[in-house]
């Protein structure tokens, strides 16, 4: 799977996607709200994640009076595995950095 640059905003988007379930799917503005990021940041991240095969998306079906249909996003199996691995590796690096520096308890 192609690598993707995991910036802090990208990691925040990934965390929202990891927390979503079929009962609580993630859509654009929900991701913006939960990641505390603007749409000008979130939508390009979602586009990159989809281009790299980390996520898939589909438009909402059924009635949605008064608003456009939502586009739902979900991690692919490979994307979920890569996301979990990337977050774990990042946490391990942070732990080592703080552990070696004496960290604050």
PDB file of N, CA and C in Angstrom:
ATOM      1  N   UNK A   1       0.859  -1.175   0.000  1.00  0.00           N
ATOM      2  CA  UNK A   1       0.000   0.000   0.000  1.00  0.00           C
ATOM      3  C   UNK A   1       0.901   1.232   0.000  1.00  0.00           C
ATOM      4  N   UNK A   2       0.622   2.227  -0.852  1.00  0.00           N
ATOM      5  CA  UNK A   2       1.446   3.432  -0.884  1.00  0.00           C
ATOM      6  C   UNK A   2       1.417   4.145   0.464  1.00  0.00           C
ATOM      7  N   UNK A   3       2.541   4.762   0.810  1.00  0.00           N
ATOM      8  CA  UNK A   3       2.592   5.479   2.084  1.00  0.00           C
ATOM      9  C   UNK A   3       1.949   6.851   1.924  1.00  0.00           C
ATOM     10  N   UNK A   4       1.515   7.379   3.033  1.00  0.00           N
ATOM     11  CA  UNK A   4       0.894   8.697   3.061  1.00  0.00           C
ATOM     12  C   UNK A   4       1.517   9.466   4.222  1.00  0.00           C
ATOM     13  N   UNK A   5       1.724  10.750   4.043  1.00  0.00           N
ATOM     14  CA  UNK A   5       2.318  11.575   5.095  1.00  0.00           C
ATOM     15  C   UNK A   5       1.303  11.753   6.221  1.00  0.00           C
ATOM     16  N   UNK A   6       1.673  11.325   7.409  1.00  0.00           N
ATOM     17  CA  UNK A   6       0.758  11.361   8.541  1.00  0.00           C
ATOM     18  C   UNK A   6       0.974  12.614   9.379  1.00  0.00           C
ATOM     19  N   UNK A   7       0.436  13.707   8.898  1.00  0.00           N
ATOM     20  CA  UNK A   7       0.490  14.963   9.637  1.00  0.00           C
ATOM     21  C   UNK A   7      -0.473  14.883  10.817  1.00  0.00           C
ATOM     22  N   UNK A   8      -0.371  15.828  11.712  1.00  0.00           N
ATOM     23  CA  UNK A   8      -1.282  15.848  12.868  1.00  0.00           C
ATOM     24  C   UNK A   8      -2.748  15.905  12.403  1.00  0.00           C
ATOM     25  N   UNK A   9      -3.115  16.788  11.441  1.00  0.00           N
ATOM     26  CA  UNK A   9      -4.512  16.786  10.983  1.00  0.00           C
ATOM     27  C   UNK A   9      -4.928  15.446  10.362  1.00  0.00           C
ATOM     28  N   UNK A  10      -4.033  14.817   9.613  1.00  0.00           N
ATOM     29  CA  UNK A  10      -4.354  13.517   9.018  1.00  0.00           C
ATOM     30  C   UNK A  10      -4.605  12.488  10.112  1.00  0.00           C
ATOM     31  N   UNK A  11      -3.792  12.500  11.152  1.00  0.00           N
ATOM     32  CA  UNK A  11      -3.986  11.573  12.266  1.00  0.00           C
ATOM     33  C   UNK A  11      -5.318  11.814  12.971  1.00  0.00           C
ATOM     34  N   UNK A  12      -5.710  13.069  13.103  1.00  0.00           N
ATOM     35  CA  UNK A  12      -6.996  13.376  13.742  1.00  0.00           C
ATOM     36  C   UNK A  12      -8.151  12.835  12.910  1.00  0.00           C
ATOM     37  N   UNK A  13      -8.067  12.973  11.596  1.00  0.00           N
ATOM     38  CA  UNK A  13      -9.100  12.435  10.706  1.00  0.00           C
ATOM     39  C   UNK A  13      -9.130  10.912  10.826  1.00  0.00           C
ATOM     40  N   UNK A  14      -7.971  10.291  10.846  1.00  0.00           N
ATOM     41  CA  UNK A  14      -7.896   8.834  10.962  1.00  0.00           C
ATOM     42  C   UNK A  14      -8.506   8.363  12.276  1.00  0.00           C
ATOM     43  N   UNK A  15      -8.271   9.079  13.353  1.00  0.00           N
ATOM     44  CA  UNK A  15      -8.854   8.699  14.646  1.00  0.00           C
ATOM     45  C   UNK A  15     -10.375   8.712  14.586  1.00  0.00           C
ATOM     46  N   UNK A  16     -10.940   9.714  13.913  1.00  0.00           N
ATOM     47  CA  UNK A  16     -12.405   9.772  13.768  1.00  0.00           C
ATOM     48  C   UNK A  16     -12.885   8.581  12.946  1.00  0.00           C
ATOM     49  N   UNK A  17     -12.185   8.285  11.863  1.00  0.00           N
ATOM     50  CA  UNK A  17     -12.573   7.152  11.018  1.00  0.00           C
ATOM     51  C   UNK A  17     -12.461   5.830  11.780  1.00  0.00           C
ATOM     52  N   UNK A  18     -11.433   5.679  12.596  1.00  0.00           N
ATOM     53  CA  UNK A  18     -11.282   4.457  13.392  1.00  0.00           C
ATOM     54  C   UNK A  18     -12.417   4.301  14.400  1.00  0.00           C
ATOM     55  N   UNK A  19     -12.929   5.409  14.903  1.00  0.00           N
ATOM     56  CA  UNK A  19     -13.993   5.368  15.911  1.00  0.00           C
ATOM     57  C   UNK A  19     -15.379   5.174  15.293  1.00  0.00           C
ATOM     58  N   UNK A  20     -15.506   5.349  13.996  1.00  0.00           N
ATOM     59  CA  UNK A  20     -16.820   5.214  13.366  1.00  0.00           C
ATOM     60  C   UNK A  20     -17.198   3.737  13.241  1.00  0.00           C
ATOM     61  N   UNK A  21     -18.488   3.490  13.217  1.00  0.00           N
ATOM     62  CA  UNK A  21     -19.024   2.139  13.090  1.00  0.00           C
ATOM     63  C   UNK A  21     -20.152   2.169  12.059  1.00  0.00           C
ATOM     64  N   UNK A  22     -20.646   1.022  11.647  1.00  0.00           N
ATOM     65  CA  UNK A  22     -21.795   1.041  10.736  1.00  0.00           C
ATOM     66  C   UNK A  22     -23.004   1.781  11.331  1.00  0.00           C
ATOM     67  N   UNK A  23     -23.153   1.726  12.654  1.00  0.00           N
ATOM     68  CA  UNK A  23     -24.261   2.431  13.309  1.00  0.00           C
ATOM     69  C   UNK A  23     -23.990   3.920  13.471  1.00  0.00           C
ATOM     70  N   UNK A  24     -22.706   4.308  13.501  1.00  0.00           N
ATOM     71  CA  UNK A  24     -22.330   5.720  13.625  1.00  0.00           C
ATOM     72  C   UNK A  24     -21.289   6.046  12.550  1.00  0.00           C
ATOM     73  N   UNK A  25     -21.741   6.092  11.294  1.00  0.00           N
ATOM     74  CA  UNK A  25     -20.795   6.315  10.199  1.00  0.00           C
ATOM     75  C   UNK A  25     -20.224   7.727  10.218  1.00  0.00           C
ATOM     76  N   UNK A  26     -19.104   7.885   9.548  1.00  0.00           N
ATOM     77  CA  UNK A  26     -18.435   9.188   9.468  1.00  0.00           C
ATOM     78  C   UNK A  26     -18.764   9.841   8.133  1.00  0.00           C
ATOM     79  N   UNK A  27     -19.173  11.102   8.182  1.00  0.00           N
ATOM     80  CA  UNK A  27     -19.356  11.889   6.969  1.00  0.00           C
ATOM     81  C   UNK A  27     -18.579  13.172   7.134  1.00  0.00           C
ATOM     82  N   UNK A  28     -18.394  13.897   6.046  1.00  0.00           N
ATOM     83  CA  UNK A  28     -17.503  15.045   6.011  1.00  0.00           C
ATOM     84  C   UNK A  28     -17.608  16.016   7.167  1.00  0.00           C
ATOM     85  N   UNK A  29     -18.781  16.611   7.368  1.00  0.00           N
ATOM     86  CA  UNK A  29     -18.897  17.633   8.415  1.00  0.00           C
ATOM     87  C   UNK A  29     -18.797  17.046   9.819  1.00  0.00           C
ATOM     88  N   UNK A  30     -19.208  15.800   9.991  1.00  0.00           N
ATOM     89  CA  UNK A  30     -19.033  15.137  11.285  1.00  0.00           C
ATOM     90  C   UNK A  30     -17.542  14.971  11.568  1.00  0.00           C
ATOM     91  N   UNK A  31     -16.781  14.581  10.546  1.00  0.00           N
ATOM     92  CA  UNK A  31     -15.336  14.433  10.706  1.00  0.00           C
ATOM     93  C   UNK A  31     -14.710  15.782  11.047  1.00  0.00           C
ATOM     94  N   UNK A  32     -15.134  16.837  10.362  1.00  0.00           N
ATOM     95  CA  UNK A  32     -14.628  18.186  10.653  1.00  0.00           C
ATOM     96  C   UNK A  32     -14.864  18.534  12.126  1.00  0.00           C
ATOM     97  N   UNK A  33     -16.082  18.280  12.582  1.00  0.00           N
ATOM     98  CA  UNK A  33     -16.445  18.615  13.959  1.00  0.00           C
ATOM     99  C   UNK A  33     -15.650  17.791  14.968  1.00  0.00           C
ATOM    100  N   UNK A  34     -15.602  16.486  14.779  1.00  0.00           N
ATOM    101  CA  UNK A  34     -14.935  15.619  15.752  1.00  0.00           C
ATOM    102  C   UNK A  34     -13.418  15.761  15.731  1.00  0.00           C
ATOM    103  N   UNK A  35     -12.857  16.094  14.579  1.00  0.00           N
ATOM    104  CA  UNK A  35     -11.403  16.286  14.488  1.00  0.00           C
ATOM    105  C   UNK A  35     -11.021  17.726  14.809  1.00  0.00           C
ATOM    106  N   UNK A  36     -12.020  18.592  14.960  1.00  0.00           N
ATOM    107  CA  UNK A  36     -11.810  20.020  15.230  1.00  0.00           C
ATOM    108  C   UNK A  36     -10.934  20.656  14.137  1.00  0.00           C
ATOM    109  N   UNK A  37     -11.317  20.369  12.883  1.00  0.00           N
ATOM    110  CA  UNK A  37     -10.594  20.884  11.730  1.00  0.00           C
ATOM    111  C   UNK A  37     -11.592  21.457  10.738  1.00  0.00           C
ATOM    112  N   UNK A  38     -11.144  22.397   9.941  1.00  0.00           N
ATOM    113  CA  UNK A  38     -11.993  22.995   8.929  1.00  0.00           C
ATOM    114  C   UNK A  38     -12.152  22.102   7.713  1.00  0.00           C
ATOM    115  N   UNK A  39     -13.197  22.369   6.955  1.00  0.00           N
ATOM    116  CA  UNK A  39     -13.465  21.560   5.762  1.00  0.00           C
ATOM    117  C   UNK A  39     -12.353  21.690   4.724  1.00  0.00           C
ATOM    118  N   UNK A  40     -11.683  22.836   4.667  1.00  0.00           N
ATOM    119  CA  UNK A  40     -10.585  23.031   3.734  1.00  0.00           C
ATOM    120  C   UNK A  40      -9.374  22.177   4.069  1.00  0.00           C
ATOM    121  N   UNK A  41      -9.332  21.663   5.281  1.00  0.00           N
ATOM    122  CA  UNK A  41      -8.276  20.737   5.699  1.00  0.00           C
ATOM    123  C   UNK A  41      -8.745  19.291   5.562  1.00  0.00           C
ATOM    124  N   UNK A  42      -9.965  19.023   6.002  1.00  0.00           N
ATOM    125  CA  UNK A  42     -10.469  17.642   6.060  1.00  0.00           C
ATOM    126  C   UNK A  42     -10.703  17.040   4.682  1.00  0.00           C
ATOM    127  N   UNK A  43     -11.368  17.761   3.792  1.00  0.00           N
ATOM    128  CA  UNK A  43     -11.710  17.156   2.503  1.00  0.00           C
ATOM    129  C   UNK A  43     -10.486  16.800   1.659  1.00  0.00           C
ATOM    130  N   UNK A  44      -9.440  17.626   1.617  1.00  0.00           N
ATOM    131  CA  UNK A  44      -8.232  17.179   0.900  1.00  0.00           C
ATOM    132  C   UNK A  44      -7.586  15.942   1.542  1.00  0.00           C
ATOM    133  N   UNK A  45      -7.636  15.845   2.875  1.00  0.00           N
ATOM    134  CA  UNK A  45      -7.107  14.651   3.555  1.00  0.00           C
ATOM    135  C   UNK A  45      -7.923  13.426   3.140  1.00  0.00           C
ATOM    136  N   UNK A  46      -9.248  13.554   3.138  1.00  0.00           N
ATOM    137  CA  UNK A  46     -10.102  12.436   2.734  1.00  0.00           C
ATOM    138  C   UNK A  46      -9.815  12.030   1.288  1.00  0.00           C
ATOM    139  N   UNK A  47      -9.613  13.015   0.418  1.00  0.00           N
ATOM    140  CA  UNK A  47      -9.277  12.712  -0.979  1.00  0.00           C
ATOM    141  C   UNK A  47      -7.975  11.922  -1.070  1.00  0.00           C
ATOM    142  N   UNK A  48      -6.940  12.358  -0.310  1.00  0.00           N
ATOM    143  CA  UNK A  48      -5.648  11.654  -0.339  1.00  0.00           C
ATOM    144  C   UNK A  48      -5.779  10.239   0.214  1.00  0.00           C
ATOM    145  N   UNK A  49      -6.509  10.094   1.309  1.00  0.00           N
ATOM    146  CA  UNK A  49      -6.695   8.764   1.893  1.00  0.00           C
ATOM    147  C   UNK A  49      -7.419   7.840   0.908  1.00  0.00           C
ATOM    148  N   UNK A  50      -8.379   8.388   0.186  1.00  0.00           N
ATOM    149  CA  UNK A  50      -9.105   7.567  -0.794  1.00  0.00           C
ATOM    150  C   UNK A  50      -8.203   7.218  -1.981  1.00  0.00           C
ATOM    151  N   UNK A  51      -7.410   8.180  -2.439  1.00  0.00           N
ATOM    152  CA  UNK A  51      -6.479   7.919  -3.542  1.00  0.00           C
ATOM    153  C   UNK A  51      -5.464   6.834  -3.185  1.00  0.00           C
ATOM    154  N   UNK A  52      -5.067   6.785  -1.919  1.00  0.00           N
ATOM    155  CA  UNK A  52      -4.082   5.803  -1.466  1.00  0.00           C
ATOM    156  C   UNK A  52      -4.724   4.482  -1.048  1.00  0.00           C
ATOM    157  N   UNK A  53      -6.037   4.368  -1.165  1.00  0.00           N
ATOM    158  CA  UNK A  53      -6.716   3.115  -0.850  1.00  0.00           C
ATOM    159  C   UNK A  53      -6.981   2.873   0.619  1.00  0.00           C
ATOM    160  N   UNK A  54      -6.811   3.902   1.449  1.00  0.00           N
ATOM    161  CA  UNK A  54      -7.051   3.741   2.885  1.00  0.00           C
ATOM    162  C   UNK A  54      -8.541   3.767   3.200  1.00  0.00           C
ATOM    163  N   UNK A  55      -9.330   4.504   2.414  1.00  0.00           N
ATOM    164  CA  UNK A  55     -10.758   4.642   2.685  1.00  0.00           C
ATOM    165  C   UNK A  55     -11.555   4.461   1.402  1.00  0.00           C
ATOM    166  N   UNK A  56     -12.834   4.198   1.590  1.00  0.00           N
ATOM    167  CA  UNK A  56     -13.799   4.228   0.507  1.00  0.00           C
ATOM    168  C   UNK A  56     -14.890   5.205   0.917  1.00  0.00           C
ATOM    169  N   UNK A  57     -15.664   5.643  -0.050  1.00  0.00           N
ATOM    170  CA  UNK A  57     -16.764   6.545   0.263  1.00  0.00           C
ATOM    171  C   UNK A  57     -17.965   6.201  -0.599  1.00  0.00           C
ATOM    172  N   UNK A  58     -19.123   6.588  -0.110  1.00  0.00           N
ATOM    173  CA  UNK A  58     -20.354   6.419  -0.889  1.00  0.00           C
ATOM    174  C   UNK A  58     -21.358   7.473  -0.444  1.00  0.00           C
ATOM    175  N   UNK A  59     -22.209   7.843  -1.380  1.00  0.00           N
ATOM    176  CA  UNK A  59     -23.242   8.834  -1.066  1.00  0.00           C
ATOM    177  C   UNK A  59     -24.406   8.178  -0.353  1.00  0.00           C
ATOM    178  N   UNK A  60     -24.999   8.952   0.517  1.00  0.00           N
ATOM    179  CA  UNK A  60     -26.181   8.537   1.258  1.00  0.00           C
ATOM    180  C   UNK A  60     -27.324   8.246   0.278  1.00  0.00           C
ATOM    181  N   UNK A  61     -28.043   7.184   0.551  1.00  0.00           N
ATOM    182  CA  UNK A  61     -29.227   6.903  -0.248  1.00  0.00           C
ATOM    183  C   UNK A  61     -30.460   7.225   0.588  1.00  0.00           C
ATOM    184  N   UNK A  62     -31.564   7.289  -0.040  1.00  0.00           N
ATOM    185  CA  UNK A  62     -32.798   7.571   0.682  1.00  0.00           C
ATOM    186  C   UNK A  62     -33.048   9.063   0.804  1.00  0.00           C
ATOM    187  N   UNK A  63     -34.141   9.411   1.447  1.00  0.00           N
ATOM    188  CA  UNK A  63     -34.522  10.826   1.558  1.00  0.00           C
ATOM    189  C   UNK A  63     -33.597  11.601   2.499  1.00  0.00           C
ATOM    190  N   UNK A  64     -33.362  12.827   2.154  1.00  0.00           N
ATOM    191  CA  UNK A  64     -32.559  13.735   2.977  1.00  0.00           C
ATOM    192  C   UNK A  64     -33.091  15.149   2.738  1.00  0.00           C
ATOM    193  N   UNK A  65     -34.330  15.395   3.176  1.00  0.00           N
ATOM    194  CA  UNK A  65     -34.967  16.687   2.907  1.00  0.00           C
ATOM    195  C   UNK A  65     -34.204  17.857   3.531  1.00  0.00           C
ATOM    196  N   UNK A  66     -34.075  18.897   2.750  1.00  0.00           N
ATOM    197  CA  UNK A  66     -33.480  20.128   3.255  1.00  0.00           C
ATOM    198  C   UNK A  66     -31.966  20.177   3.243  1.00  0.00           C
ATOM    199  N   UNK A  67     -31.316  19.127   2.767  1.00  0.00           N
ATOM    200  CA  UNK A  67     -29.856  19.139   2.706  1.00  0.00           C
ATOM    201  C   UNK A  67     -29.401  18.204   1.592  1.00  0.00           C
ATOM    202  N   UNK A  68     -28.198  18.424   1.130  1.00  0.00           N
ATOM    203  CA  UNK A  68     -27.675  17.501   0.122  1.00  0.00           C
ATOM    204  C   UNK A  68     -27.366  16.141   0.749  1.00  0.00           C
ATOM    205  N   UNK A  69     -27.277  15.091  -0.062  1.00  0.00           N
ATOM    206  CA  UNK A  69     -26.929  13.778   0.504  1.00  0.00           C
ATOM    207  C   UNK A  69     -25.523  13.804   1.095  1.00  0.00           C
ATOM    208  N   UNK A  70     -25.359  13.091   2.181  1.00  0.00           N
ATOM    209  CA  UNK A  70     -24.042  12.994   2.823  1.00  0.00           C
ATOM    210  C   UNK A  70     -23.180  11.987   2.073  1.00  0.00           C
ATOM    211  N   UNK A  71     -21.871  12.220   2.131  1.00  0.00           N
ATOM    212  CA  UNK A  71     -20.916  11.244   1.620  1.00  0.00           C
ATOM    213  C   UNK A  71     -20.295  10.593   2.855  1.00  0.00           C
ATOM    214  N   UNK A  72     -20.473   9.282   2.971  1.00  0.00           N
ATOM    215  CA  UNK A  72     -19.941   8.530   4.103  1.00  0.00           C
ATOM    216  C   UNK A  72     -18.570   7.968   3.759  1.00  0.00           C
ATOM    217  N   UNK A  73     -17.694   7.967   4.750  1.00  0.00           N
ATOM    218  CA  UNK A  73     -16.319   7.495   4.571  1.00  0.00           C
ATOM    219  C   UNK A  73     -16.050   6.375   5.555  1.00  0.00           C
ATOM    220  N   UNK A  74     -15.350   5.337   5.080  1.00  0.00           N
ATOM    221  CA  UNK A  74     -14.948   4.264   5.987  1.00  0.00           C
ATOM    222  C   UNK A  74     -13.590   3.729   5.556  1.00  0.00           C
ATOM    223  N   UNK A  75     -12.848   3.275   6.544  1.00  0.00           N
ATOM    224  CA  UNK A  75     -11.538   2.693   6.279  1.00  0.00           C
ATOM    225  C   UNK A  75     -11.703   1.349   5.588  1.00  0.00           C
ATOM    226  N   UNK A  76     -10.848   1.071   4.629  1.00  0.00           N
ATOM    227  CA  UNK A  76     -10.783  -0.258   4.043  1.00  0.00           C
ATOM    228  C   UNK A  76     -10.090  -1.163   5.063  1.00  0.00           C
ATOM    229  N   UNK A  77     -10.136  -2.467   4.844  1.00  0.00           N
ATOM    230  CA  UNK A  77      -9.445  -3.393   5.758  1.00  0.00           C
ATOM    231  C   UNK A  77      -7.955  -3.068   5.795  1.00  0.00           C
ATOM    232  N   UNK A  78      -7.370  -2.866   4.616  1.00  0.00           N
ATOM    233  CA  UNK A  78      -5.944  -2.536   4.558  1.00  0.00           C
ATOM    234  C   UNK A  78      -5.680  -1.162   5.172  1.00  0.00           C
ATOM    235  N   UNK A  79      -6.570  -0.217   4.928  1.00  0.00           N
ATOM    236  CA  UNK A  79      -6.416   1.127   5.493  1.00  0.00           C
ATOM    237  C   UNK A  79      -6.512   1.108   7.007  1.00  0.00           C
ATOM    238  N   UNK A  80      -7.441   0.319   7.537  1.00  0.00           N
ATOM    239  CA  UNK A  80      -7.585   0.197   8.998  1.00  0.00           C
ATOM    240  C   UNK A  80      -6.311  -0.390   9.600  1.00  0.00           C
ATOM    241  N   UNK A  81      -5.784  -1.435   8.981  1.00  0.00           N
ATOM    242  CA  UNK A  81      -4.553  -2.056   9.485  1.00  0.00           C
ATOM    243  C   UNK A  81      -3.398  -1.060   9.440  1.00  0.00           C
ATOM    244  N   UNK A  82      -3.268  -0.351   8.346  1.00  0.00           N
ATOM    245  CA  UNK A  82      -2.192   0.636   8.209  1.00  0.00           C
ATOM    246  C   UNK A  82      -2.369   1.781   9.208  1.00  0.00           C
ATOM    247  N   UNK A  83      -3.610   2.221   9.420  1.00  0.00           N
ATOM    248  CA  UNK A  83      -3.878   3.299  10.360  1.00  0.00           C
ATOM    249  C   UNK A  83      -3.520   2.894  11.789  1.00  0.00           C
ATOM    250  N   UNK A  84      -3.938   1.694  12.189  1.00  0.00           N
ATOM    251  CA  UNK A  84      -3.637   1.199  13.535  1.00  0.00           C
ATOM    252  C   UNK A  84      -2.128   1.067  13.711  1.00  0.00           C
ATOM    253  N   UNK A  85      -1.465   0.500  12.704  1.00  0.00           N
ATOM    254  CA  UNK A  85      -0.013   0.336  12.769  1.00  0.00           C
ATOM    255  C   UNK A  85       0.691   1.696  12.849  1.00  0.00           C
ATOM    256  N   UNK A  86       0.245   2.654  12.060  1.00  0.00           N
ATOM    257  CA  UNK A  86       0.861   3.987  12.043  1.00  0.00           C
ATOM    258  C   UNK A  86       0.665   4.714  13.364  1.00  0.00           C
ATOM    259  N   UNK A  87      -0.531   4.621  13.932  1.00  0.00           N
ATOM    260  CA  UNK A  87      -0.783   5.267  15.223  1.00  0.00           C
ATOM    261  C   UNK A  87       0.047   4.619  16.329  1.00  0.00           C
ATOM    262  N   UNK A  88       0.160   3.303  16.302  1.00  0.00           N
ATOM    263  CA  UNK A  88       0.964   2.601  17.307  1.00  0.00           C
ATOM    264  C   UNK A  88       2.436   2.973  17.180  1.00  0.00           C
ATOM    265  N   UNK A  89       2.942   3.045  15.955  1.00  0.00           N
ATOM    266  CA  UNK A  89       4.346   3.413  15.737  1.00  0.00           C
ATOM    267  C   UNK A  89       4.600   4.840  16.210  1.00  0.00           C
ATOM    268  N   UNK A  90       3.663   5.731  15.936  1.00  0.00           N
ATOM    269  CA  UNK A  90       3.813   7.125  16.373  1.00  0.00           C
ATOM    270  C   UNK A  90       3.829   7.212  17.903  1.00  0.00           C
ATOM    271  N   UNK A  91       2.939   6.460  18.533  1.00  0.00           N
ATOM    272  CA  UNK A  91       2.886   6.469  19.998  1.00  0.00           C
ATOM    273  C   UNK A  91       4.172   5.897  20.586  1.00  0.00           C
ATOM    274  N   UNK A  92       4.711   4.856  19.974  1.00  0.00           N
ATOM    275  CA  UNK A  92       5.967   4.269  20.452  1.00  0.00           C
ATOM    276  C   UNK A  92       7.117   5.268  20.331  1.00  0.00           C
ATOM    277  N   UNK A  93       7.153   6.006  19.213  1.00  0.00           N
ATOM    278  CA  UNK A  93       8.193   7.035  19.051  1.00  0.00           C
ATOM    279  C   UNK A  93       8.061   8.118  20.113  1.00  0.00           C
ATOM    280  N   UNK A  94       6.841   8.536  20.376  1.00  0.00           N
ATOM    281  CA  UNK A  94       6.612   9.585  21.387  1.00  0.00           C
ATOM    282  C   UNK A  94       7.011   9.088  22.768  1.00  0.00           C
ATOM    283  N   UNK A  95       6.687   7.843  23.071  1.00  0.00           N
ATOM    284  CA  UNK A  95       7.024   7.262  24.375  1.00  0.00           C
ATOM    285  C   UNK A  95       8.543   7.181  24.545  1.00  0.00           C
ATOM    286  N   UNK A  96       9.225   6.702  23.499  1.00  0.00           N
ATOM    287  CA  UNK A  96      10.694   6.619  23.568  1.00  0.00           C
ATOM    288  C   UNK A  96      11.295   8.005  23.728  1.00  0.00           C
ATOM    289  N   UNK A  97      10.798   8.971  22.976  1.00  0.00           N
ATOM    290  CA  UNK A  97      11.347  10.334  23.035  1.00  0.00           C
ATOM    291  C   UNK A  97      11.204  10.883  24.450  1.00  0.00           C
ATOM    292  N   UNK A  98      10.023  10.740  25.033  1.00  0.00           N
ATOM    293  CA  UNK A  98       9.816  11.272  26.375  1.00  0.00           C
ATOM    294  C   UNK A  98      10.517  10.415  27.423  1.00  0.00           C
ATOM    295  N   UNK A  99      10.555   9.120  27.200  1.00  0.00           N
ATOM    296  CA  UNK A  99      11.233   8.222  28.139  1.00  0.00           C
ATOM    297  C   UNK A  99      12.730   8.491  28.183  1.00  0.00           C
ATOM    298  N   UNK A 100      13.353   8.711  27.018  1.00  0.00           N
ATOM    299  CA  UNK A 100      14.785   8.993  26.951  1.00  0.00           C
ATOM    300  C   UNK A 100      15.108  10.373  27.499  1.00  0.00           C
ATOM    301  N   UNK A 101      14.162  11.305  27.368  1.00  0.00           N
ATOM    302  CA  UNK A 101      14.403  12.667  27.838  1.00  0.00           C
ATOM    303  C   UNK A 101      14.071  12.816  29.326  1.00  0.00           C
ATOM    304  N   UNK A 102      13.653  11.766  29.951  1.00  0.00           N
ATOM    305  CA  UNK A 102      13.325  11.844  31.380  1.00  0.00           C
ATOM    306  C   UNK A 102      11.887  12.197  31.630  1.00  0.00           C
ATOM    307  N   UNK A 103      11.136  12.623  30.603  1.00  0.00           N
ATOM    308  CA  UNK A 103       9.697  12.898  30.681  1.00  0.00           C
ATOM    309  C   UNK A 103       9.227  13.461  31.996  1.00  0.00           C
ATOM    310  N   UNK A 104       8.056  14.003  31.961  1.00  0.00           N
ATOM    311  CA  UNK A 104       7.431  14.557  33.156  1.00  0.00           C
ATOM    312  C   UNK A 104       6.340  13.600  33.584  1.00  0.00           C
ATOM    313  N   UNK A 105       6.342  13.229  34.850  1.00  0.00           N
ATOM    314  CA  UNK A 105       5.340  12.293  35.357  1.00  0.00           C
ATOM    315  C   UNK A 105       4.030  12.984  35.636  1.00  0.00           C
TER     316      UNK A 105
END
